[in-house]
Amino acid sequence: MNIAVITGASSGIGKELVFEADRLTDIEELWVIARRRERLEELQAQCSHPVKCVPLDLTQESSIAEYKALLEAEKPVVKLLVNAAGCGAFGPFDQSDLDAQITSLKLNMLALVAMCRVSLPYMQKGCSIMNIGSNSAWQPVPYQAVYGSSKAGVLSFSRAIGRELKPKGVHVICVCPGWIKTEFQAAAEHDKYIRYVDRWYEASEVAKQAMKDLAKKKTISILGSPVRRQVALVKHLPVDLVMNIWCRQQGIE
């Protein structure tokens, strides 16, 4: 049985990628993963494929073990793995809640790595991994220090395993969106610390672009020419200058 596994499926980009995966013709079942069972169950009536609800908190090692056991029991082909679960906490690092920052690292990076490793024995030529990074992955971001660092790790990890898995025919793409208005922003206290946003994008737009880029076998997906220009620019500017510009945009010393 060919399946698509989507984490962070209860909201935001993850939820939109459930709907995009539901359009794939080589998928027989969708496995949707998030903490909130009721949100996952709502997807069953919204998708044409059968939906298996797998309520897990991926910051817990026991959840990774539970997912691994489920794979061992059902032995599917993981045609598509989407790692969309993520969280962050914005603000001055020296005033931040340590537990929140550690949770961000666990979910954004450690859980993503674990999901890839556990899923790969069930992937073969023609299968794909989609990891959700961020525009914050391309440069250090003051007042998003931990979140940005975790997403830089996602980008580097995706590129590295993508090269490793290329001879096996497993494709890896990292999606690096700009500003997306989702529940994530409220949880991260975005409006309290971020004063300047050049443009908002919809989660559905990001998901559609990501699937188009996956079909083209791209390794990076970036929605919007303004975001692509910014990424190209920061590659050539001194890091200190990039951080200074960011801080001035946000009205931060």
Protein backbone atom coordinates (compact mmCIF):
# COMPACT_ATOMS: atom_id res chain seq x y z
CA MET A 1 0.00 0.00 0.00
CA ASN A 2 1.34 3.42 -0.99
CA ILE A 3 0.84 6.08 1.65
CA ALA A 4 1.59 9.76 2.25
CA VAL A 5 2.58 10.69 5.79
CA ILE A 6 2.04 14.32 6.80
CA THR A 7 3.06 15.72 10.18
CA GLY A 8 1.69 19.01 11.49
CA ALA A 9 -1.49 18.02 9.65
CA SER A 10 -3.96 19.76 11.96
CA SER A 11 -3.35 23.32 10.74
CA GLY A 12 -1.35 25.68 8.55
CA ILE A 13 0.93 24.44 5.80
CA GLY A 14 0.68 20.86 7.02
CA LYS A 15 -3.10 20.82 6.68
CA GLU A 16 -2.91 22.33 3.19
CA LEU A 17 -0.35 19.72 2.19
CA VAL A 18 -2.80 17.01 3.26
CA PHE A 19 -5.22 18.37 0.66
CA GLU A 20 -2.45 18.55 -1.95
CA ALA A 21 -1.36 14.97 -1.22
CA ASP A 22 -4.99 13.89 -1.52
CA ARG A 23 -4.80 14.86 -5.21
CA LEU A 24 -1.97 12.42 -5.92
CA THR A 25 -3.01 9.42 -7.99
CA ASP A 26 -0.30 7.04 -6.71
CA ILE A 27 -1.35 7.38 -3.05
CA GLU A 28 -3.79 4.90 -1.50
CA GLU A 29 -4.00 6.25 2.04
CA LEU A 30 -3.11 9.39 3.97
CA TRP A 31 -1.53 9.12 7.40
CA VAL A 32 -2.01 12.40 9.21
CA ILE A 33 -0.04 13.19 12.35
CA ALA A 34 -0.55 15.94 14.94
CA ARG A 35 -1.39 16.23 18.63
CA ARG A 36 -5.07 17.11 18.26
CA ARG A 37 -7.11 14.05 17.35
CA GLU A 38 -10.30 16.01 16.71
CA ARG A 39 -8.56 18.18 14.11
CA LEU A 40 -7.22 15.10 12.37
CA GLU A 41 -10.63 13.42 12.34
CA GLU A 42 -12.10 16.47 10.60
CA LEU A 43 -9.82 15.72 7.65
CA GLN A 44 -11.52 12.38 7.03
CA ALA A 45 -14.60 14.08 5.62
CA GLN A 46 -12.51 16.51 3.55
CA CYS A 47 -10.35 14.03 1.65
CA SER A 48 -11.15 11.57 -1.11
CA HIS A 49 -8.51 9.05 0.06
CA PRO A 50 -8.84 7.04 3.26
CA VAL A 51 -7.31 8.97 6.17
CA LYS A 52 -5.57 7.27 9.08
CA CYS A 53 -5.47 9.58 12.10
CA VAL A 54 -2.29 9.19 14.13
CA PRO A 55 -2.44 11.59 17.09
CA LEU A 56 1.14 11.96 18.34
CA ASP A 57 3.26 14.56 20.09
CA LEU A 58 6.46 14.30 18.08
CA THR A 59 8.52 16.06 20.75
CA GLN A 60 8.22 12.80 22.72
CA GLU A 61 10.51 9.88 21.89
CA SER A 62 7.66 7.52 22.68
CA SER A 63 5.69 9.00 19.77
CA ILE A 64 8.50 8.26 17.33
CA ALA A 65 8.58 4.70 18.66
CA GLU A 66 4.81 4.43 18.19
CA TYR A 67 5.08 5.60 14.58
CA LYS A 68 7.91 3.13 13.96
CA ALA A 69 5.81 0.28 15.38
CA LEU A 70 2.89 1.26 13.15
CA LEU A 71 5.14 1.08 10.07
CA GLU A 72 6.48 -2.30 11.17
CA ALA A 73 2.96 -3.64 11.63
CA GLU A 74 1.47 -2.40 8.33
CA LYS A 75 4.60 -2.36 6.13
CA PRO A 76 3.41 0.32 3.68
CA VAL A 77 5.43 2.08 1.02
CA VAL A 78 5.93 5.65 2.24
CA LYS A 79 5.52 7.28 -1.14
CA LEU A 80 5.65 10.76 0.36
CA LEU A 81 6.80 11.94 3.78
CA VAL A 82 5.96 15.54 4.64
CA ASN A 83 7.58 16.96 7.77
CA ALA A 84 5.45 20.05 8.40
CA ALA A 85 5.23 19.99 12.21
CA GLY A 86 6.95 23.00 13.74
CA CYS A 87 6.82 25.68 16.37
CA GLY A 88 8.83 28.67 17.54
CA ALA A 89 9.12 31.38 20.14
CA PHE A 90 10.12 34.88 19.09
CA GLY A 91 11.71 37.52 21.29
CA PRO A 92 14.98 38.25 23.14
CA PHE A 93 16.80 35.00 23.84
CA ASP A 94 17.88 36.06 27.33
CA GLN A 95 14.24 36.61 28.27
CA SER A 96 12.86 33.53 26.56
CA ASP A 97 11.25 30.51 28.16
CA LEU A 98 13.82 27.72 28.03
CA ASP A 99 11.24 24.95 27.81
CA ALA A 100 9.61 26.63 24.82
CA GLN A 101 12.95 26.94 23.03
CA ILE A 102 13.86 23.32 23.69
CA THR A 103 10.44 22.20 22.46
CA SER A 104 11.00 24.21 19.28
CA LEU A 105 14.31 22.45 18.67
CA LYS A 106 12.81 19.04 19.37
CA LEU A 107 9.90 19.52 16.99
CA ASN A 108 11.57 21.50 14.21
CA MET A 109 14.76 19.49 13.96
CA LEU A 110 15.02 16.37 16.11
CA ALA A 111 11.56 15.02 15.31
CA LEU A 112 12.06 15.77 11.62
CA VAL A 113 15.35 13.85 11.59
CA ALA A 114 13.74 10.94 13.43
CA MET A 115 10.74 10.81 11.08
CA CYS A 116 13.06 10.65 8.08
CA ARG A 117 15.23 7.93 9.58
CA VAL A 118 12.30 5.78 10.70
CA SER A 119 10.47 6.18 7.36
CA LEU A 120 13.37 5.49 5.01
CA PRO A 121 13.31 1.68 5.32
CA TYR A 122 9.80 1.93 3.84
CA MET A 123 10.82 4.16 0.94
CA GLN A 124 12.07 3.08 -2.48
CA LYS A 125 12.86 4.55 -5.88
CA GLY A 126 10.25 7.18 -6.74
CA CYS A 127 9.48 8.11 -3.13
CA SER A 128 9.95 11.64 -1.77
CA ILE A 129 10.62 13.56 1.42
CA MET A 130 9.36 17.12 1.85
CA ASN A 131 10.78 19.05 4.79
CA ILE A 132 9.33 22.43 5.74
CA GLY A 133 12.07 24.93 6.40
CA SER A 134 11.73 28.71 6.41
CA ASN A 135 13.06 31.87 4.87
CA SER A 136 14.78 32.21 8.26
CA ALA A 137 17.05 29.33 7.26
CA TRP A 138 19.26 31.48 5.04
CA GLN A 139 20.75 33.86 7.63
CA PRO A 140 20.98 34.32 11.41
CA VAL A 141 17.82 36.04 12.66
CA PRO A 142 18.08 38.01 15.92
CA TYR A 143 14.99 37.65 18.13
CA GLN A 144 14.24 34.40 16.30
CA ALA A 145 17.61 32.92 17.19
CA VAL A 146 16.55 29.38 18.09
CA TYR A 147 13.79 29.11 15.49
CA GLY A 148 16.01 30.39 12.69
CA SER A 149 18.84 28.09 13.73
CA SER A 150 16.54 25.07 13.73
CA LYS A 151 15.35 25.90 10.22
CA ALA A 152 18.92 26.40 9.02
CA GLY A 153 19.50 22.88 10.30
CA VAL A 154 16.49 21.62 8.37
CA LEU A 155 17.83 23.16 5.16
CA SER A 156 21.33 21.75 5.60
CA PHE A 157 20.03 18.33 6.62
CA SER A 158 17.64 18.18 3.66
CA ARG A 159 20.38 19.04 1.19
CA ALA A 160 22.77 16.51 2.67
CA ILE A 161 20.43 13.53 2.79
CA GLY A 162 19.05 14.53 -0.60
CA ARG A 163 22.51 13.98 -2.04
CA GLU A 164 22.92 10.71 -0.15
CA LEU A 165 19.56 9.36 -1.29
CA LYS A 166 19.84 10.48 -4.92
CA PRO A 167 21.42 7.19 -6.12
CA LYS A 168 18.54 5.31 -4.48
CA GLY A 169 15.94 7.37 -6.33
CA VAL A 170 14.47 8.99 -3.20
CA HIS A 171 14.00 12.72 -3.74
CA VAL A 172 14.28 15.33 -0.98
CA ILE A 173 12.92 18.86 -1.19
CA CYS A 174 13.11 21.63 1.43
CA VAL A 175 10.32 24.21 1.38
CA CYS A 176 11.44 27.66 2.57
CA PRO A 177 8.42 30.00 2.72
CA GLY A 178 8.33 33.64 3.71
CA TRP A 179 5.73 35.08 6.07
CA ILE A 180 2.66 32.85 6.42
CA LYS A 181 -0.38 33.85 8.50
CA THR A 182 -1.17 30.70 10.49
CA GLU A 183 -1.72 29.60 14.09
CA PHE A 184 2.07 29.36 14.35
CA GLN A 185 2.39 33.15 14.36
CA ALA A 186 0.09 33.59 17.35
CA ALA A 187 1.84 30.85 19.32
CA ALA A 188 5.24 32.41 18.56
CA GLU A 189 4.03 35.86 19.73
CA HIS A 190 4.76 37.22 16.27
CA ASP A 191 2.81 40.48 16.61
CA LYS A 192 4.57 41.32 19.87
CA TYR A 193 8.09 41.21 18.45
CA ILE A 194 7.85 41.46 14.63
CA ARG A 195 6.88 44.93 13.40
CA TYR A 196 7.79 44.76 9.73
CA VAL A 197 6.56 42.18 7.21
CA ASP A 198 7.04 42.88 3.51
CA ARG A 199 4.30 40.49 2.39
CA TRP A 200 2.04 37.78 3.78
CA TYR A 201 1.40 34.55 1.87
CA GLU A 202 -1.35 32.00 2.34
CA ALA A 203 -0.51 28.50 3.55
CA SER A 204 -2.45 27.10 0.59
CA GLU A 205 -0.21 29.03 -1.82
CA VAL A 206 2.92 27.59 -0.22
CA ALA A 207 1.52 24.05 -0.37
CA LYS A 208 0.56 24.31 -4.04
CA GLN A 209 3.97 25.71 -4.99
CA ALA A 210 5.72 23.02 -2.95
CA MET A 211 3.90 20.22 -4.76
CA LYS A 212 4.60 21.81 -8.15
CA ASP A 213 8.29 22.04 -7.30
CA LEU A 214 8.31 18.47 -6.00
CA ALA A 215 6.88 17.27 -9.31
CA LYS A 216 9.74 19.10 -11.06
CA LYS A 217 12.26 17.38 -8.76
CA LYS A 218 13.49 20.66 -7.35
CA THR A 219 15.48 20.50 -4.13
CA ILE A 220 14.33 23.90 -2.82
CA SER A 221 10.86 25.44 -3.01
CA ILE A 222 10.44 29.18 -2.47
CA LEU A 223 7.13 30.90 -3.11
CA GLY A 224 7.21 34.45 -4.43
CA SER A 225 9.78 36.44 -6.38
CA PRO A 226 10.34 38.89 -3.45
CA VAL A 227 11.38 36.00 -1.21
CA ARG A 228 13.59 34.50 -3.93
CA ARG A 229 15.29 37.88 -4.46
CA GLN A 230 15.89 38.22 -0.75
CA VAL A 231 17.45 34.76 -0.55
CA ALA A 232 19.71 35.52 -3.51
CA LEU A 233 20.75 38.84 -1.96
CA VAL A 234 21.63 37.59 1.53
CA LYS A 235 23.97 35.01 0.02
CA HIS A 236 26.23 37.86 -1.13
CA LEU A 237 25.96 40.33 1.75
CA PRO A 238 28.03 40.27 4.96
CA VAL A 239 26.17 38.49 7.75
CA ASP A 240 26.49 41.45 10.14
CA LEU A 241 24.92 43.76 7.55
CA VAL A 242 22.02 41.37 6.99
CA MET A 243 21.34 41.17 10.73
CA ASN A 244 21.60 44.96 11.11
CA ILE A 245 19.10 45.52 8.30
CA TRP A 246 16.70 43.03 9.90
CA CYS A 247 16.96 44.73 13.29
CA ARG A 248 16.39 48.19 11.80
CA GLN A 249 13.30 46.92 9.95
CA GLN A 250 11.89 45.68 13.26
CA GLY A 251 12.81 48.86 15.15
CA ILE A 252 15.25 46.94 17.34
CA GLU A 253 18.61 48.30 18.51
